[in-house]
PDB file of all heavy atoms in Angstrom:
ATOM      1  N   GLN A   1     -23.756 -20.734   3.030  1.00  0.00           N
ATOM      2  CA  GLN A   1     -24.448 -19.764   3.880  1.00  0.00           C
ATOM      3  C   GLN A   1     -25.790 -19.348   3.310  1.00  0.00           C
ATOM      4  O   GLN A   1     -26.582 -18.686   3.988  1.00  0.00           O
ATOM      5  CB  GLN A   1     -23.573 -18.511   4.058  1.00  0.00           C
ATOM      6  CG  GLN A   1     -22.223 -18.768   4.712  1.00  0.00           C
ATOM      7  CD  GLN A   1     -22.352 -19.262   6.128  1.00  0.00           C
ATOM      8  OE1 GLN A   1     -23.169 -18.765   6.902  1.00  0.00           O
ATOM      9  NE2 GLN A   1     -21.546 -20.253   6.485  1.00  0.00           N
ATOM     10  N   GLY A   2     -26.025 -19.715   2.048  1.00  0.00           N
ATOM     11  CA  GLY A   2     -27.275 -19.335   1.408  1.00  0.00           C
ATOM     12  C   GLY A   2     -27.352 -17.861   1.072  1.00  0.00           C
ATOM     13  O   GLY A   2     -28.434 -17.265   1.110  1.00  0.00           O
ATOM     14  N   VAL A   3     -26.170 -17.258   0.752  1.00  0.00           N
ATOM     15  CA  VAL A   3     -26.134 -15.832   0.397  1.00  0.00           C
ATOM     16  C   VAL A   3     -25.530 -15.672  -0.988  1.00  0.00           C
ATOM     17  O   VAL A   3     -24.863 -16.573  -1.504  1.00  0.00           O
ATOM     18  CB  VAL A   3     -25.311 -15.019   1.426  1.00  0.00           C
ATOM     19  CG1 VAL A   3     -25.956 -15.100   2.799  1.00  0.00           C
ATOM     20  CG2 VAL A   3     -23.865 -15.514   1.479  1.00  0.00           C
ATOM     21  N   SER A   4     -25.749 -14.517  -1.583  1.00  0.00           N
ATOM     22  CA  SER A   4     -25.224 -14.243  -2.914  1.00  0.00           C
ATOM     23  C   SER A   4     -23.717 -14.016  -2.867  1.00  0.00           C
ATOM     24  O   SER A   4     -23.196 -13.367  -1.957  1.00  0.00           O
ATOM     25  CB  SER A   4     -25.907 -13.003  -3.503  1.00  0.00           C
ATOM     26  OG  SER A   4     -25.277 -12.621  -4.716  1.00  0.00           O
ATOM     27  N   ALA A   5     -23.013 -14.552  -3.872  1.00  0.00           N
ATOM     28  CA  ALA A   5     -21.569 -14.375  -3.951  1.00  0.00           C
ATOM     29  C   ALA A   5     -21.191 -13.163  -4.791  1.00  0.00           C
ATOM     30  O   ALA A   5     -20.008 -12.868  -4.961  1.00  0.00           O
ATOM     31  CB  ALA A   5     -20.920 -15.631  -4.544  1.00  0.00           C
ATOM     32  N   GLN A   6     -22.184 -12.456  -5.298  1.00  0.00           N
ATOM     33  CA  GLN A   6     -21.890 -11.308  -6.140  1.00  0.00           C
ATOM     34  C   GLN A   6     -21.420 -10.135  -5.283  1.00  0.00           C
ATOM     35  O   GLN A   6     -22.050  -9.770  -4.298  1.00  0.00           O
ATOM     36  CB  GLN A   6     -23.128 -10.902  -6.958  1.00  0.00           C
ATOM     37  CG  GLN A   6     -22.821  -9.861  -8.028  1.00  0.00           C
ATOM     38  CD  GLN A   6     -23.967  -9.736  -9.027  1.00  0.00           C
ATOM     39  OE1 GLN A   6     -24.911 -10.514  -9.008  1.00  0.00           O
ATOM     40  NE2 GLN A   6     -23.862  -8.753  -9.918  1.00  0.00           N
ATOM     41  N   LEU A   7     -20.278  -9.563  -5.667  1.00  0.00           N
ATOM     42  CA  LEU A   7     -19.727  -8.432  -4.930  1.00  0.00           C
ATOM     43  C   LEU A   7     -20.270  -7.120  -5.475  1.00  0.00           C
ATOM     44  O   LEU A   7     -20.576  -7.017  -6.664  1.00  0.00           O
ATOM     45  CB  LEU A   7     -18.201  -8.461  -5.032  1.00  0.00           C
ATOM     46  CG  LEU A   7     -17.518  -9.685  -4.393  1.00  0.00           C
ATOM     47  CD1 LEU A   7     -16.027  -9.661  -4.689  1.00  0.00           C
ATOM     48  CD2 LEU A   7     -17.759  -9.725  -2.890  1.00  0.00           C
ATOM     49  N   PRO A   8     -20.352  -6.054  -4.651  1.00  0.00           N
ATOM     50  CA  PRO A   8     -19.995  -6.041  -3.224  1.00  0.00           C
ATOM     51  C   PRO A   8     -21.027  -6.774  -2.370  1.00  0.00           C
ATOM     52  O   PRO A   8     -22.203  -6.812  -2.712  1.00  0.00           O
ATOM     53  CB  PRO A   8     -19.960  -4.562  -2.882  1.00  0.00           C
ATOM     54  CG  PRO A   8     -20.920  -3.934  -3.840  1.00  0.00           C
ATOM     55  CD  PRO A   8     -20.795  -4.733  -5.124  1.00  0.00           C
ATOM     56  N   SER A   9     -20.536  -7.381  -1.301  1.00  0.00           N
ATOM     57  CA  SER A   9     -21.414  -8.148  -0.427  1.00  0.00           C
ATOM     58  C   SER A   9     -21.117  -7.808   1.025  1.00  0.00           C
ATOM     59  O   SER A   9     -19.964  -7.692   1.425  1.00  0.00           O
ATOM     60  CB  SER A   9     -21.195  -9.647  -0.660  1.00  0.00           C
ATOM     61  OG  SER A   9     -21.856 -10.411   0.323  1.00  0.00           O
ATOM     62  N   GLU A  10     -22.170  -7.650   1.810  1.00  0.00           N
ATOM     63  CA  GLU A  10     -22.007  -7.342   3.232  1.00  0.00           C
ATOM     64  C   GLU A  10     -21.380  -8.513   3.989  1.00  0.00           C
ATOM     65  O   GLU A  10     -20.845  -8.345   5.078  1.00  0.00           O
ATOM     66  CB  GLU A  10     -23.359  -6.983   3.845  1.00  0.00           C
ATOM     67  CG  GLU A  10     -23.965  -5.694   3.283  1.00  0.00           C
ATOM     68  CD  GLU A  10     -25.309  -5.383   3.912  1.00  0.00           C
ATOM     69  OE1 GLU A  10     -25.773  -6.209   4.734  1.00  0.00           O
ATOM     70  OE2 GLU A  10     -25.885  -4.326   3.592  1.00  0.00           O
ATOM     71  N   THR A  11     -21.449  -9.701   3.420  1.00  0.00           N
ATOM     72  CA  THR A  11     -20.931 -10.885   4.109  1.00  0.00           C
ATOM     73  C   THR A  11     -19.480 -11.188   3.748  1.00  0.00           C
ATOM     74  O   THR A  11     -18.899 -12.128   4.280  1.00  0.00           O
ATOM     75  CB  THR A  11     -21.795 -12.117   3.778  1.00  0.00           C
ATOM     76  OG1 THR A  11     -21.799 -12.319   2.356  1.00  0.00           O
ATOM     77  CG2 THR A  11     -23.211 -11.930   4.275  1.00  0.00           C
ATOM     78  N   PHE A  12     -18.873 -10.404   2.850  1.00  0.00           N
ATOM     79  CA  PHE A  12     -17.492 -10.680   2.437  1.00  0.00           C
ATOM     80  C   PHE A  12     -16.544 -10.655   3.629  1.00  0.00           C
ATOM     81  O   PHE A  12     -15.649 -11.506   3.743  1.00  0.00           O
ATOM     82  CB  PHE A  12     -17.038  -9.666   1.382  1.00  0.00           C
ATOM     83  CG  PHE A  12     -15.640  -9.927   0.861  1.00  0.00           C
ATOM     84  CD1 PHE A  12     -15.418 -10.874  -0.117  1.00  0.00           C
ATOM     85  CD2 PHE A  12     -14.549  -9.233   1.369  1.00  0.00           C
ATOM     86  CE1 PHE A  12     -14.141 -11.129  -0.598  1.00  0.00           C
ATOM     87  CE2 PHE A  12     -13.270  -9.475   0.906  1.00  0.00           C
ATOM     88  CZ  PHE A  12     -13.068 -10.427  -0.079  1.00  0.00           C
ATOM     89  N   GLU A  13     -16.729  -9.696   4.531  1.00  0.00           N
ATOM     90  CA  GLU A  13     -15.848  -9.594   5.692  1.00  0.00           C
ATOM     91  C   GLU A  13     -15.981 -10.813   6.598  1.00  0.00           C
ATOM     92  O   GLU A  13     -15.001 -11.228   7.229  1.00  0.00           O
ATOM     93  CB  GLU A  13     -16.145  -8.313   6.474  1.00  0.00           C
ATOM     94  CG  GLU A  13     -15.762  -7.030   5.740  1.00  0.00           C
ATOM     95  CD  GLU A  13     -14.273  -6.951   5.442  1.00  0.00           C
ATOM     96  OE1 GLU A  13     -13.469  -7.400   6.289  1.00  0.00           O
ATOM     97  OE2 GLU A  13     -13.911  -6.476   4.356  1.00  0.00           O
ATOM     98  N   ASP A  14     -17.163 -11.401   6.655  1.00  0.00           N
ATOM     99  CA  ASP A  14     -17.347 -12.614   7.455  1.00  0.00           C
ATOM    100  C   ASP A  14     -16.521 -13.758   6.881  1.00  0.00           C
ATOM    101  O   ASP A  14     -15.889 -14.514   7.621  1.00  0.00           O
ATOM    102  CB  ASP A  14     -18.827 -13.009   7.499  1.00  0.00           C
ATOM    103  CG  ASP A  14     -19.680 -11.981   8.222  1.00  0.00           C
ATOM    104  OD1 ASP A  14     -19.133 -11.270   9.088  1.00  0.00           O
ATOM    105  OD2 ASP A  14     -20.878 -11.897   7.915  1.00  0.00           O
ATOM    106  N   TRP A  15     -16.565 -13.889   5.557  1.00  0.00           N
ATOM    107  CA  TRP A  15     -15.755 -14.929   4.915  1.00  0.00           C
ATOM    108  C   TRP A  15     -14.278 -14.626   5.055  1.00  0.00           C
ATOM    109  O   TRP A  15     -13.482 -15.519   5.353  1.00  0.00           O
ATOM    110  CB  TRP A  15     -16.113 -15.033   3.429  1.00  0.00           C
ATOM    111  CG  TRP A  15     -15.167 -15.906   2.650  1.00  0.00           C
ATOM    112  CD1 TRP A  15     -15.117 -17.273   2.688  1.00  0.00           C
ATOM    113  CD2 TRP A  15     -14.142 -15.479   1.756  1.00  0.00           C
ATOM    114  NE1 TRP A  15     -14.112 -17.726   1.858  1.00  0.00           N
ATOM    115  CE2 TRP A  15     -13.507 -16.654   1.275  1.00  0.00           C
ATOM    116  CE3 TRP A  15     -13.709 -14.234   1.309  1.00  0.00           C
ATOM    117  CZ2 TRP A  15     -12.453 -16.588   0.365  1.00  0.00           C
ATOM    118  CZ3 TRP A  15     -12.660 -14.175   0.413  1.00  0.00           C
ATOM    119  CH2 TRP A  15     -12.036 -15.349  -0.059  1.00  0.00           C
ATOM    120  N   TYR A  16     -13.914 -13.361   4.878  1.00  0.00           N
ATOM    121  CA  TYR A  16     -12.499 -12.980   4.949  1.00  0.00           C
ATOM    122  C   TYR A  16     -11.921 -13.313   6.323  1.00  0.00           C
ATOM    123  O   TYR A  16     -10.758 -13.724   6.434  1.00  0.00           O
ATOM    124  CB  TYR A  16     -12.335 -11.487   4.664  1.00  0.00           C
ATOM    125  CG  TYR A  16     -10.895 -11.064   4.498  1.00  0.00           C
ATOM    126  CD1 TYR A  16     -10.269 -11.143   3.255  1.00  0.00           C
ATOM    127  CD2 TYR A  16     -10.150 -10.612   5.582  1.00  0.00           C
ATOM    128  CE1 TYR A  16      -8.945 -10.772   3.102  1.00  0.00           C
ATOM    129  CE2 TYR A  16      -8.824 -10.246   5.440  1.00  0.00           C
ATOM    130  CZ  TYR A  16      -8.224 -10.328   4.191  1.00  0.00           C
ATOM    131  OH  TYR A  16      -6.904  -9.975   4.045  1.00  0.00           O
ATOM    132  N   ALA A  17     -12.714 -13.190   7.357  1.00  0.00           N
ATOM    133  CA  ALA A  17     -12.252 -13.493   8.710  1.00  0.00           C
ATOM    134  C   ALA A  17     -11.878 -14.964   8.854  1.00  0.00           C
ATOM    135  O   ALA A  17     -11.052 -15.327   9.691  1.00  0.00           O
ATOM    136  CB  ALA A  17     -13.323 -13.127   9.724  1.00  0.00           C
ATOM    137  N   THR A  18     -12.455 -15.823   8.013  1.00  0.00           N
ATOM    138  CA  THR A  18     -12.108 -17.245   8.069  1.00  0.00           C
ATOM    139  C   THR A  18     -10.821 -17.534   7.311  1.00  0.00           C
ATOM    140  O   THR A  18     -10.273 -18.637   7.413  1.00  0.00           O
ATOM    141  CB  THR A  18     -13.223 -18.110   7.453  1.00  0.00           C
ATOM    142  OG1 THR A  18     -13.260 -17.920   6.027  1.00  0.00           O
ATOM    143  CG2 THR A  18     -14.573 -17.762   8.051  1.00  0.00           C
ATOM    144  N   GLN A  19     -10.350 -16.547   6.554  1.00  0.00           N
ATOM    145  CA  GLN A  19      -9.177 -16.751   5.708  1.00  0.00           C
ATOM    146  C   GLN A  19      -7.867 -16.386   6.405  1.00  0.00           C
ATOM    147  O   GLN A  19      -6.875 -17.081   6.296  1.00  0.00           O
ATOM    148  CB  GLN A  19      -9.323 -15.930   4.422  1.00  0.00           C
ATOM    149  CG  GLN A  19     -10.372 -16.462   3.483  1.00  0.00           C
ATOM    150  CD  GLN A  19      -9.946 -17.789   2.880  1.00  0.00           C
ATOM    151  OE1 GLN A  19      -8.869 -17.909   2.326  1.00  0.00           O
ATOM    152  NE2 GLN A  19     -10.805 -18.790   2.991  1.00  0.00           N
ATOM    153  N   LEU A  20      -7.860 -15.269   7.098  1.00  0.00           N
ATOM    154  CA  LEU A  20      -6.646 -14.822   7.783  1.00  0.00           C
ATOM    155  C   LEU A  20      -6.995 -14.321   9.183  1.00  0.00           C
ATOM    156  O   LEU A  20      -6.827 -13.150   9.491  1.00  0.00           O
ATOM    157  CB  LEU A  20      -5.945 -13.711   6.988  1.00  0.00           C
ATOM    158  CG  LEU A  20      -5.241 -14.128   5.703  1.00  0.00           C
ATOM    159  CD1 LEU A  20      -4.667 -12.918   4.991  1.00  0.00           C
ATOM    160  CD2 LEU A  20      -4.133 -15.125   5.978  1.00  0.00           C
ATOM    161  N   PRO A  21      -7.487 -15.183  10.048  1.00  0.00           N
ATOM    162  CA  PRO A  21      -7.919 -14.714  11.373  1.00  0.00           C
ATOM    163  C   PRO A  21      -6.785 -14.175  12.233  1.00  0.00           C
ATOM    164  O   PRO A  21      -7.024 -13.376  13.126  1.00  0.00           O
ATOM    165  CB  PRO A  21      -8.525 -15.982  11.993  1.00  0.00           C
ATOM    166  CG  PRO A  21      -7.840 -17.113  11.278  1.00  0.00           C
ATOM    167  CD  PRO A  21      -7.665 -16.624   9.871  1.00  0.00           C
ATOM    168  N   ASP A  22      -5.565 -14.607  11.980  1.00  0.00           N
ATOM    169  CA  ASP A  22      -4.447 -14.190  12.827  1.00  0.00           C
ATOM    170  C   ASP A  22      -3.546 -13.142  12.167  1.00  0.00           C
ATOM    171  O   ASP A  22      -2.509 -12.777  12.713  1.00  0.00           O
ATOM    172  CB  ASP A  22      -3.590 -15.406  13.206  1.00  0.00           C
ATOM    173  CG  ASP A  22      -4.408 -16.448  13.949  1.00  0.00           C
ATOM    174  OD1 ASP A  22      -5.265 -16.034  14.751  1.00  0.00           O
ATOM    175  OD2 ASP A  22      -4.190 -17.644  13.708  1.00  0.00           O
ATOM    176  N   GLN A  23      -3.905 -12.704  10.974  1.00  0.00           N
ATOM    177  CA  GLN A  23      -3.065 -11.755  10.252  1.00  0.00           C
ATOM    178  C   GLN A  23      -3.891 -10.573   9.764  1.00  0.00           C
ATOM    179  O   GLN A  23      -4.329 -10.555   8.621  1.00  0.00           O
ATOM    180  CB  GLN A  23      -2.371 -12.427   9.063  1.00  0.00           C
ATOM    181  CG  GLN A  23      -1.433 -13.557   9.474  1.00  0.00           C
ATOM    182  CD  GLN A  23      -0.704 -14.127   8.273  1.00  0.00           C
ATOM    183  OE1 GLN A  23      -0.366 -13.410   7.337  1.00  0.00           O
ATOM    184  NE2 GLN A  23      -0.452 -15.423   8.282  1.00  0.00           N
ATOM    185  N   PRO A  24      -4.131  -9.588  10.623  1.00  0.00           N
ATOM    186  CA  PRO A  24      -4.891  -8.407  10.204  1.00  0.00           C
ATOM    187  C   PRO A  24      -4.234  -7.748   8.994  1.00  0.00           C
ATOM    188  O   PRO A  24      -3.006  -7.641   8.921  1.00  0.00           O
ATOM    189  CB  PRO A  24      -4.823  -7.499  11.433  1.00  0.00           C
ATOM    190  CG  PRO A  24      -4.554  -8.422  12.568  1.00  0.00           C
ATOM    191  CD  PRO A  24      -3.682  -9.514  12.019  1.00  0.00           C
ATOM    192  N   ASN A  25      -5.032  -7.320   8.049  1.00  0.00           N
ATOM    193  CA  ASN A  25      -4.500  -6.723   6.832  1.00  0.00           C
ATOM    194  C   ASN A  25      -5.448  -5.624   6.380  1.00  0.00           C
ATOM    195  O   ASN A  25      -6.666  -5.825   6.356  1.00  0.00           O
ATOM    196  CB  ASN A  25      -4.352  -7.794   5.744  1.00  0.00           C
ATOM    197  CG  ASN A  25      -3.499  -7.324   4.589  1.00  0.00           C
ATOM    198  OD1 ASN A  25      -3.775  -6.300   3.974  1.00  0.00           O
ATOM    199  ND2 ASN A  25      -2.449  -8.069   4.292  1.00  0.00           N
TER     200      ASN A  25
END
């Protein structure tokens, strides 16, 4: 994505959505 992987990151939730799209947590 061309973004920084250092946390906290505003894009973490975007990546997380690709991990468990059907299991809200």
